Amino acid sequence: MGMSGRYVVVTDELLNSIQSGEVSVHDCQVDLDIDKTWQMLQFTLNGNLVDGEPPLSYVVPLASQQYLGNYSDMDLFLINNKQVLEAYMALEQFTPEDVRTRFSLDKMLAEGVYPVMEGWDEEETFQEIVQTIDQIQALFQVTVENGNGIIFYVF
């Protein structure tokens, strides 16, 4: 079992319930589980393990600006509806060729990106990242349309 990146779409009401402790994030529906690709995706889009420039830093929100707090024994990160929209619009302009120019399995290995290991298939890993971007983009589109935000956490 490894660390899995999870997205939970939240209304303002659900967000308030999580923050008050009335609802545990563990009891919320996980709208997208990107499994172990979260750090590979963060590194590919932003060139480092945690930070980055908006709006791409909102795709895998790990920066202190998005830190919501520790609730349900989990560090939660929040992107509001406006940030989800900005990230969605940036991803909409992003082609697989753009991803390819940023993608480097060798750099991921050198930087200790989780869960990359020696001997991984570069093309297979690249395709997994592109597929994950497509899944996130679809989730972000629906989230924007419904006026919601997203909580991200690693479990």
C-alpha atoms as a PDB file:
ATOM      1  CA  MET A   1       0.000   0.000   0.000  1.00  0.00           C
ATOM      2  CA  GLY A   2       1.325   3.420  -0.911  1.00  0.00           C
ATOM      3  CA  MET A   3       0.403   7.047  -0.721  1.00  0.00           C
ATOM      4  CA  SER A   4      -2.578   7.855  -2.907  1.00  0.00           C
ATOM      5  CA  GLY A   5      -3.674  11.334  -4.024  1.00  0.00           C
ATOM      6  CA  ARG A   6      -7.389  11.957  -3.586  1.00  0.00           C
ATOM      7  CA  TYR A   7      -9.758  14.704  -4.706  1.00  0.00           C
ATOM      8  CA  VAL A   8     -13.041  15.385  -2.910  1.00  0.00           C
ATOM      9  CA  VAL A   9     -15.456  17.898  -4.417  1.00  0.00           C
ATOM     10  CA  VAL A  10     -16.858  20.118  -1.657  1.00  0.00           C
ATOM     11  CA  THR A  11     -19.738  22.522  -1.356  1.00  0.00           C
ATOM     12  CA  ASP A  12     -19.343  25.365   1.131  1.00  0.00           C
ATOM     13  CA  GLU A  13     -21.606  23.447   3.505  1.00  0.00           C
ATOM     14  CA  LEU A  14     -19.523  20.256   3.329  1.00  0.00           C
ATOM     15  CA  LEU A  15     -16.318  22.251   3.747  1.00  0.00           C
ATOM     16  CA  ASN A  16     -17.689  23.898   6.892  1.00  0.00           C
ATOM     17  CA  SER A  17     -18.782  20.493   8.241  1.00  0.00           C
ATOM     18  CA  ILE A  18     -15.299  19.061   7.687  1.00  0.00           C
ATOM     19  CA  GLN A  19     -13.667  22.050   9.355  1.00  0.00           C
ATOM     20  CA  SER A  20     -16.002  21.872  12.352  1.00  0.00           C
ATOM     21  CA  GLY A  21     -15.288  18.165  12.787  1.00  0.00           C
ATOM     22  CA  GLU A  22     -18.934  17.286  12.170  1.00  0.00           C
ATOM     23  CA  VAL A  23     -17.915  15.274   9.071  1.00  0.00           C
ATOM     24  CA  SER A  24     -14.720  13.260   8.634  1.00  0.00           C
ATOM     25  CA  VAL A  25     -13.014  13.505   5.268  1.00  0.00           C
ATOM     26  CA  HIS A  26     -12.780   9.700   5.440  1.00  0.00           C
ATOM     27  CA  ASP A  27     -16.587   9.563   5.230  1.00  0.00           C
ATOM     28  CA  CYS A  28     -16.711  11.741   2.104  1.00  0.00           C
ATOM     29  CA  GLN A  29     -16.999  10.367  -1.405  1.00  0.00           C
ATOM     30  CA  VAL A  30     -13.637  10.385  -3.171  1.00  0.00           C
ATOM     31  CA  ASP A  31     -14.391  11.923  -6.559  1.00  0.00           C
ATOM     32  CA  LEU A  32     -11.014  11.070  -8.073  1.00  0.00           C
ATOM     33  CA  ASP A  33      -8.182   8.919  -6.779  1.00  0.00           C
ATOM     34  CA  ILE A  34      -5.030   9.459  -8.816  1.00  0.00           C
ATOM     35  CA  ASP A  35      -3.240   6.792  -6.826  1.00  0.00           C
ATOM     36  CA  LYS A  36       0.521   7.206  -6.806  1.00  0.00           C
ATOM     37  CA  THR A  37       0.758   9.598  -9.780  1.00  0.00           C
ATOM     38  CA  TRP A  38       0.238  12.692  -7.604  1.00  0.00           C
ATOM     39  CA  GLN A  39       3.919  13.514  -7.049  1.00  0.00           C
ATOM     40  CA  MET A  40       4.946  12.566 -10.601  1.00  0.00           C
ATOM     41  CA  LEU A  41       2.251  14.903 -11.904  1.00  0.00           C
ATOM     42  CA  GLN A  42       3.241  17.713  -9.527  1.00  0.00           C
ATOM     43  CA  PHE A  43       6.869  17.376 -10.602  1.00  0.00           C
ATOM     44  CA  THR A  44       6.017  17.236 -14.308  1.00  0.00           C
ATOM     45  CA  LEU A  45       3.776  20.309 -14.211  1.00  0.00           C
ATOM     46  CA  ASN A  46       5.809  22.445 -11.795  1.00  0.00           C
ATOM     47  CA  GLY A  47       9.384  21.134 -11.870  1.00  0.00           C
ATOM     48  CA  ASN A  48       9.575  20.452  -8.141  1.00  0.00           C
ATOM     49  CA  LEU A  49       8.000  18.383  -5.402  1.00  0.00           C
ATOM     50  CA  VAL A  50       5.760  20.924  -3.646  1.00  0.00           C
ATOM     51  CA  ASP A  51       5.609  24.444  -4.990  1.00  0.00           C
ATOM     52  CA  GLY A  52       4.827  25.959  -8.343  1.00  0.00           C
ATOM     53  CA  GLU A  53       3.217  28.895 -10.017  1.00  0.00           C
ATOM     54  CA  PRO A  54      -0.557  29.163 -10.260  1.00  0.00           C
ATOM     55  CA  PRO A  55      -2.583  27.958 -11.991  1.00  0.00           C
ATOM     56  CA  LEU A  56      -0.620  24.717 -12.562  1.00  0.00           C
ATOM     57  CA  SER A  57       0.228  24.538  -8.861  1.00  0.00           C
ATOM     58  CA  TYR A  58      -3.516  24.148  -8.207  1.00  0.00           C
ATOM     59  CA  VAL A  59      -3.668  20.826 -10.091  1.00  0.00           C
ATOM     60  CA  VAL A  60      -1.962  18.951  -7.244  1.00  0.00           C
ATOM     61  CA  PRO A  61      -2.354  21.541  -4.485  1.00  0.00           C
ATOM     62  CA  LEU A  62       0.460  20.978  -1.991  1.00  0.00           C
ATOM     63  CA  ALA A  63       1.690  24.533  -1.420  1.00  0.00           C
ATOM     64  CA  SER A  64       1.177  26.324   1.860  1.00  0.00           C
ATOM     65  CA  GLN A  65      -1.241  28.776   0.217  1.00  0.00           C
ATOM     66  CA  GLN A  66      -3.710  25.938  -0.329  1.00  0.00           C
ATOM     67  CA  TYR A  67      -3.183  24.292   3.058  1.00  0.00           C
ATOM     68  CA  LEU A  68      -6.553  24.076   4.805  1.00  0.00           C
ATOM     69  CA  GLY A  69      -5.325  22.372   7.960  1.00  0.00           C
ATOM     70  CA  ASN A  70      -5.213  19.002   9.622  1.00  0.00           C
ATOM     71  CA  TYR A  71      -8.701  17.532   9.834  1.00  0.00           C
ATOM     72  CA  SER A  72      -9.639  13.878  10.343  1.00  0.00           C
ATOM     73  CA  ASP A  73      -5.912  13.265  10.968  1.00  0.00           C
ATOM     74  CA  MET A  74      -5.160  14.299   7.383  1.00  0.00           C
ATOM     75  CA  ASP A  75      -3.407  17.336   5.953  1.00  0.00           C
ATOM     76  CA  LEU A  76      -6.002  18.824   3.630  1.00  0.00           C
ATOM     77  CA  PHE A  77      -5.440  21.270   0.799  1.00  0.00           C
ATOM     78  CA  LEU A  78      -8.236  23.387  -0.666  1.00  0.00           C
ATOM     79  CA  ILE A  79      -8.679  24.922  -4.080  1.00  0.00           C
ATOM     80  CA  ASN A  80     -11.694  27.194  -4.325  1.00  0.00           C
ATOM     81  CA  ASN A  81     -13.954  27.404  -7.357  1.00  0.00           C
ATOM     82  CA  LYS A  82     -12.004  30.280  -8.914  1.00  0.00           C
ATOM     83  CA  GLN A  83      -8.726  28.345  -8.548  1.00  0.00           C
ATOM     84  CA  VAL A  84     -10.335  25.193  -9.967  1.00  0.00           C
ATOM     85  CA  LEU A  85     -11.451  27.274 -12.975  1.00  0.00           C
ATOM     86  CA  GLU A  86      -7.955  28.716 -13.454  1.00  0.00           C
ATOM     87  CA  ALA A  87      -6.399  25.248 -13.295  1.00  0.00           C
ATOM     88  CA  TYR A  88      -9.018  23.827 -15.653  1.00  0.00           C
ATOM     89  CA  MET A  89      -8.380  26.584 -18.199  1.00  0.00           C
ATOM     90  CA  ALA A  90      -4.613  26.008 -17.992  1.00  0.00           C
ATOM     91  CA  LEU A  91      -5.028  22.251 -18.456  1.00  0.00           C
ATOM     92  CA  GLU A  92      -7.381  22.845 -21.383  1.00  0.00           C
ATOM     93  CA  GLN A  93      -4.511  24.600 -23.194  1.00  0.00           C
ATOM     94  CA  PHE A  94      -2.033  21.867 -22.237  1.00  0.00           C
ATOM     95  CA  THR A  95      -1.352  19.313 -24.979  1.00  0.00           C
ATOM     96  CA  PRO A  96       0.420  15.965 -24.631  1.00  0.00           C
ATOM     97  CA  GLU A  97       3.338  17.623 -26.454  1.00  0.00           C
ATOM     98  CA  ASP A  98       3.469  20.294 -23.714  1.00  0.00           C
ATOM     99  CA  VAL A  99       3.535  17.545 -21.111  1.00  0.00           C
ATOM    100  CA  ARG A 100       6.294  15.764 -23.038  1.00  0.00           C
ATOM    101  CA  THR A 101       8.534  18.869 -22.921  1.00  0.00           C
ATOM    102  CA  ARG A 102       8.211  18.968 -19.116  1.00  0.00           C
ATOM    103  CA  PHE A 103       8.393  15.225 -18.494  1.00  0.00           C
ATOM    104  CA  SER A 104      11.688  13.587 -17.512  1.00  0.00           C
ATOM    105  CA  LEU A 105      11.848  10.220 -15.807  1.00  0.00           C
ATOM    106  CA  ASP A 106      15.596  10.726 -15.244  1.00  0.00           C
ATOM    107  CA  LYS A 107      14.992  13.994 -13.383  1.00  0.00           C
ATOM    108  CA  MET A 108      12.253  12.336 -11.326  1.00  0.00           C
ATOM    109  CA  LEU A 109      14.686   9.584 -10.322  1.00  0.00           C
ATOM    110  CA  ALA A 110      17.385  12.123  -9.459  1.00  0.00           C
ATOM    111  CA  GLU A 111      14.965  14.151  -7.299  1.00  0.00           C
ATOM    112  CA  GLY A 112      13.454  11.122  -5.552  1.00  0.00           C
ATOM    113  CA  VAL A 113       9.943  11.631  -6.897  1.00  0.00           C
ATOM    114  CA  TYR A 114       7.527   9.120  -5.380  1.00  0.00           C
ATOM    115  CA  PRO A 115       7.091   6.294  -6.441  1.00  0.00           C
ATOM    116  CA  VAL A 116       9.501   6.388  -9.435  1.00  0.00           C
ATOM    117  CA  MET A 117      12.087   3.611  -9.443  1.00  0.00           C
ATOM    118  CA  GLU A 118      15.005   2.544 -11.574  1.00  0.00           C
ATOM    119  CA  GLY A 119      13.925   0.533 -14.619  1.00  0.00           C
ATOM    120  CA  TRP A 120      10.493   2.105 -15.092  1.00  0.00           C
ATOM    121  CA  ASP A 121       9.134   2.287 -18.607  1.00  0.00           C
ATOM    122  CA  GLU A 122       9.358   5.944 -19.656  1.00  0.00           C
ATOM    123  CA  GLU A 123       6.583   5.864 -22.267  1.00  0.00           C
ATOM    124  CA  GLU A 124       4.190   3.988 -19.991  1.00  0.00           C
ATOM    125  CA  THR A 125       4.817   6.497 -17.189  1.00  0.00           C
ATOM    126  CA  PHE A 126       4.318   9.417 -19.580  1.00  0.00           C
ATOM    127  CA  GLN A 127       1.008   7.976 -20.820  1.00  0.00           C
ATOM    128  CA  GLU A 128      -0.150   7.475 -17.225  1.00  0.00           C
ATOM    129  CA  ILE A 129       0.521  11.146 -16.485  1.00  0.00           C
ATOM    130  CA  VAL A 130      -1.353  12.282 -19.621  1.00  0.00           C
ATOM    131  CA  GLN A 131      -4.313  10.064 -18.702  1.00  0.00           C
ATOM    132  CA  THR A 132      -4.309  11.441 -15.151  1.00  0.00           C
ATOM    133  CA  ILE A 133      -4.334  15.006 -16.487  1.00  0.00           C
ATOM    134  CA  ASP A 134      -7.371  14.126 -18.616  1.00  0.00           C
ATOM    135  CA  GLN A 135      -9.177  12.699 -15.567  1.00  0.00           C
ATOM    136  CA  ILE A 136      -8.392  15.765 -13.459  1.00  0.00           C
ATOM    137  CA  GLN A 137      -9.494  18.090 -16.239  1.00  0.00           C
ATOM    138  CA  ALA A 138     -12.854  16.297 -16.468  1.00  0.00           C
ATOM    139  CA  LEU A 139     -13.338  16.510 -12.695  1.00  0.00           C
ATOM    140  CA  PHE A 140     -12.372  20.184 -12.637  1.00  0.00           C
ATOM    141  CA  GLN A 141     -14.824  20.986 -15.447  1.00  0.00           C
ATOM    142  CA  VAL A 142     -17.785  19.499 -13.545  1.00  0.00           C
ATOM    143  CA  THR A 143     -16.619  21.130 -10.308  1.00  0.00           C
ATOM    144  CA  VAL A 144     -16.463  24.562 -11.938  1.00  0.00           C
ATOM    145  CA  GLU A 145     -19.871  24.143 -13.535  1.00  0.00           C
ATOM    146  CA  ASN A 146     -21.414  23.303 -10.161  1.00  0.00           C
ATOM    147  CA  GLY A 147     -19.697  26.158  -8.312  1.00  0.00           C
ATOM    148  CA  ASN A 148     -17.800  23.899  -5.918  1.00  0.00           C
ATOM    149  CA  GLY A 149     -14.270  23.648  -4.592  1.00  0.00           C
ATOM    150  CA  ILE A 150     -11.957  20.689  -4.130  1.00  0.00           C
ATOM    151  CA  ILE A 151     -10.118  19.243  -1.174  1.00  0.00           C
ATOM    152  CA  PHE A 152      -6.978  17.299  -2.009  1.00  0.00           C
ATOM    153  CA  TYR A 153      -5.150  14.992   0.350  1.00  0.00           C
ATOM    154  CA  VAL A 154      -2.661  12.157   0.288  1.00  0.00           C
ATOM    155  CA  PHE A 155      -3.774   8.983   2.050  1.00  0.00           C
END
